[in-house]
Amino acid sequence: MNRRPQLVLRGSSASREEAAAVIAAVEQFRRDTRPQAAPREPAPNPWLRAARLEAVGHPVDAAVGWDPW
């Protein structure tokens, strides 16, 4: 799905070529200045998961009905 709006130049006395150049420049500016994608979260540490399960008295190797990790 393309979430970016379609740019249209309206109410201008510019020629088709000039309008296309303006739209291309605006699109290039938007690409150059868009925010960086958020970095992926690191994979959860299996040792930390085991410690948390052990801390609440749950066997580490037993199945958990919920999986917050």
N, C-alpha and C. Protein backbone atom coordinates (compact mmCIF):
# COMPACT_ATOMS: atom_id res chain seq x y z
N MET A 1 0.84 -1.17 0.00
CA MET A 1 0.00 0.00 0.00
C MET A 1 0.90 1.24 0.00
N ASN A 2 0.59 2.17 -0.87
CA ASN A 2 1.35 3.41 -0.94
C ASN A 2 0.66 4.44 -0.05
N ARG A 3 1.31 4.82 1.04
CA ARG A 3 0.71 5.76 1.98
C ARG A 3 1.06 7.20 1.64
N ARG A 4 1.91 7.40 0.66
CA ARG A 4 2.31 8.75 0.32
C ARG A 4 1.26 9.39 -0.57
N PRO A 5 0.91 10.63 -0.30
CA PRO A 5 -0.11 11.28 -1.13
C PRO A 5 0.41 11.56 -2.53
N GLN A 6 -0.50 11.56 -3.47
CA GLN A 6 -0.18 11.88 -4.85
C GLN A 6 -0.07 13.40 -4.96
N LEU A 7 1.07 13.90 -5.39
CA LEU A 7 1.27 15.34 -5.50
C LEU A 7 0.71 15.83 -6.83
N VAL A 8 -0.02 16.93 -6.77
CA VAL A 8 -0.61 17.53 -7.97
C VAL A 8 -0.42 19.04 -7.87
N LEU A 9 0.04 19.66 -8.94
CA LEU A 9 0.21 21.11 -8.98
C LEU A 9 -1.02 21.70 -9.65
N ARG A 10 -1.78 22.48 -8.90
CA ARG A 10 -3.03 23.07 -9.43
C ARG A 10 -2.96 24.59 -9.40
N GLY A 11 -3.73 25.19 -10.28
CA GLY A 11 -3.82 26.65 -10.30
C GLY A 11 -2.51 27.31 -10.67
N SER A 12 -1.81 26.73 -11.60
CA SER A 12 -0.51 27.27 -11.98
C SER A 12 -0.50 27.56 -13.48
N SER A 13 0.27 28.55 -13.84
CA SER A 13 0.41 28.86 -15.27
C SER A 13 1.66 28.19 -15.84
N ALA A 14 2.23 27.27 -15.10
CA ALA A 14 3.44 26.57 -15.55
C ALA A 14 3.08 25.58 -16.66
N SER A 15 4.05 25.34 -17.53
CA SER A 15 3.85 24.34 -18.58
C SER A 15 3.88 22.95 -17.95
N ARG A 16 3.52 21.95 -18.72
CA ARG A 16 3.52 20.57 -18.19
C ARG A 16 4.93 20.17 -17.75
N GLU A 17 5.93 20.57 -18.52
CA GLU A 17 7.31 20.23 -18.17
C GLU A 17 7.74 20.92 -16.89
N GLU A 18 7.37 22.20 -16.74
CA GLU A 18 7.72 22.93 -15.52
C GLU A 18 7.01 22.34 -14.30
N ALA A 19 5.74 22.00 -14.48
CA ALA A 19 4.99 21.40 -13.37
C ALA A 19 5.60 20.06 -12.98
N ALA A 20 5.99 19.27 -13.97
CA ALA A 20 6.62 17.98 -13.69
C ALA A 20 7.94 18.17 -12.96
N ALA A 21 8.70 19.20 -13.33
CA ALA A 21 9.97 19.47 -12.66
C ALA A 21 9.75 19.89 -11.21
N VAL A 22 8.73 20.70 -10.96
CA VAL A 22 8.42 21.12 -9.59
C VAL A 22 8.02 19.92 -8.75
N ILE A 23 7.14 19.09 -9.28
CA ILE A 23 6.69 17.90 -8.54
C ILE A 23 7.87 16.97 -8.27
N ALA A 24 8.73 16.78 -9.27
CA ALA A 24 9.91 15.91 -9.09
C ALA A 24 10.83 16.47 -8.01
N ALA A 25 11.00 17.78 -7.98
CA ALA A 25 11.86 18.40 -6.96
C ALA A 25 11.27 18.23 -5.56
N VAL A 26 9.95 18.39 -5.44
CA VAL A 26 9.30 18.22 -4.14
C VAL A 26 9.40 16.76 -3.69
N GLU A 27 9.18 15.83 -4.59
CA GLU A 27 9.30 14.41 -4.23
C GLU A 27 10.72 14.06 -3.82
N GLN A 28 11.71 14.60 -4.51
CA GLN A 28 13.11 14.35 -4.15
C GLN A 28 13.40 14.93 -2.76
N PHE A 29 12.89 16.13 -2.49
CA PHE A 29 13.07 16.75 -1.17
C PHE A 29 12.45 15.88 -0.09
N ARG A 30 11.26 15.36 -0.34
CA ARG A 30 10.59 14.52 0.66
C ARG A 30 11.37 13.24 0.91
N ARG A 31 11.94 12.65 -0.15
CA ARG A 31 12.76 11.44 0.04
C ARG A 31 14.02 11.75 0.83
N ASP A 32 14.64 12.89 0.54
CA ASP A 32 15.90 13.24 1.20
C ASP A 32 15.71 13.62 2.67
N THR A 33 14.55 14.12 3.03
CA THR A 33 14.35 14.62 4.39
C THR A 33 13.41 13.77 5.23
N ARG A 34 13.04 12.60 4.75
CA ARG A 34 12.14 11.75 5.54
C ARG A 34 12.87 11.24 6.78
N PRO A 35 12.14 10.99 7.84
CA PRO A 35 12.79 10.49 9.06
C PRO A 35 13.32 9.08 8.85
N GLN A 36 14.37 8.77 9.56
CA GLN A 36 14.97 7.44 9.48
C GLN A 36 14.03 6.42 10.10
N ALA A 37 14.05 5.22 9.57
CA ALA A 37 13.24 4.14 10.14
C ALA A 37 13.79 3.80 11.52
N ALA A 38 12.90 3.47 12.41
CA ALA A 38 13.31 3.10 13.76
C ALA A 38 14.11 1.80 13.71
N PRO A 39 15.18 1.73 14.48
CA PRO A 39 15.95 0.48 14.48
C PRO A 39 15.15 -0.65 15.10
N ARG A 40 15.40 -1.85 14.63
CA ARG A 40 14.71 -3.01 15.18
C ARG A 40 15.19 -3.26 16.60
N GLU A 41 14.26 -3.72 17.42
CA GLU A 41 14.65 -4.05 18.78
C GLU A 41 15.49 -5.32 18.76
N PRO A 42 16.51 -5.37 19.63
CA PRO A 42 17.32 -6.59 19.66
C PRO A 42 16.50 -7.77 20.16
N ALA A 43 16.91 -8.95 19.76
CA ALA A 43 16.22 -10.16 20.19
C ALA A 43 16.33 -10.28 21.71
N PRO A 44 15.28 -10.77 22.36
CA PRO A 44 15.33 -10.90 23.81
C PRO A 44 16.41 -11.90 24.23
N ASN A 45 17.05 -11.59 25.33
CA ASN A 45 18.11 -12.44 25.85
C ASN A 45 17.49 -13.67 26.50
N PRO A 46 17.82 -14.88 26.05
CA PRO A 46 17.23 -16.08 26.64
C PRO A 46 17.62 -16.26 28.11
N TRP A 47 18.78 -15.77 28.50
CA TRP A 47 19.18 -15.86 29.91
C TRP A 47 18.30 -14.96 30.77
N LEU A 48 17.98 -13.79 30.26
CA LEU A 48 17.11 -12.88 31.00
C LEU A 48 15.71 -13.47 31.14
N ARG A 49 15.22 -14.09 30.08
CA ARG A 49 13.90 -14.73 30.13
C ARG A 49 13.90 -15.84 31.18
N ALA A 50 14.94 -16.66 31.18
CA ALA A 50 15.03 -17.74 32.16
C ALA A 50 15.08 -17.18 33.58
N ALA A 51 15.82 -16.11 33.78
CA ALA A 51 15.92 -15.50 35.11
C ALA A 51 14.57 -14.96 35.57
N ARG A 52 13.84 -14.36 34.66
CA ARG A 52 12.53 -13.82 35.03
C ARG A 52 11.56 -14.94 35.39
N LEU A 53 11.57 -16.00 34.61
CA LEU A 53 10.68 -17.13 34.92
C LEU A 53 11.07 -17.77 36.24
N GLU A 54 12.36 -17.90 36.48
CA GLU A 54 12.82 -18.48 37.74
C GLU A 54 12.45 -17.58 38.91
N ALA A 55 12.51 -16.28 38.72
CA ALA A 55 12.20 -15.33 39.79
C ALA A 55 10.76 -15.44 40.26
N VAL A 56 9.85 -15.82 39.37
CA VAL A 56 8.44 -15.93 39.76
C VAL A 56 8.06 -17.37 40.07
N GLY A 57 9.05 -18.26 40.10
CA GLY A 57 8.80 -19.64 40.49
C GLY A 57 8.25 -20.52 39.39
N HIS A 58 8.42 -20.13 38.15
CA HIS A 58 7.93 -20.93 37.02
C HIS A 58 9.09 -21.74 36.47
N PRO A 59 8.89 -23.02 36.20
CA PRO A 59 9.98 -23.80 35.60
C PRO A 59 10.40 -23.21 34.25
N VAL A 60 11.68 -23.09 34.06
CA VAL A 60 12.20 -22.44 32.86
C VAL A 60 11.84 -23.20 31.59
N ASP A 61 11.87 -24.54 31.65
CA ASP A 61 11.62 -25.33 30.44
C ASP A 61 10.14 -25.68 30.24
N ALA A 62 9.27 -25.27 31.15
CA ALA A 62 7.84 -25.56 31.02
C ALA A 62 7.19 -24.57 30.07
N ALA A 63 6.11 -25.00 29.46
CA ALA A 63 5.37 -24.13 28.54
C ALA A 63 4.72 -23.00 29.32
N VAL A 64 4.68 -21.85 28.73
CA VAL A 64 4.06 -20.68 29.34
C VAL A 64 2.80 -20.38 28.55
N GLY A 65 1.67 -20.17 29.23
CA GLY A 65 0.41 -19.90 28.56
C GLY A 65 0.40 -18.55 27.86
N TRP A 66 1.26 -17.69 28.25
CA TRP A 66 1.38 -16.38 27.61
C TRP A 66 2.85 -16.18 27.28
N ASP A 67 3.13 -15.42 26.28
CA ASP A 67 4.52 -15.23 25.89
C ASP A 67 4.79 -13.75 25.64
N PRO A 68 5.19 -13.02 26.67
CA PRO A 68 5.46 -11.60 26.49
C PRO A 68 6.75 -11.33 25.74
N TRP A 69 7.54 -12.38 25.49
CA TRP A 69 8.80 -12.18 24.79
C TRP A 69 8.66 -12.69 23.42
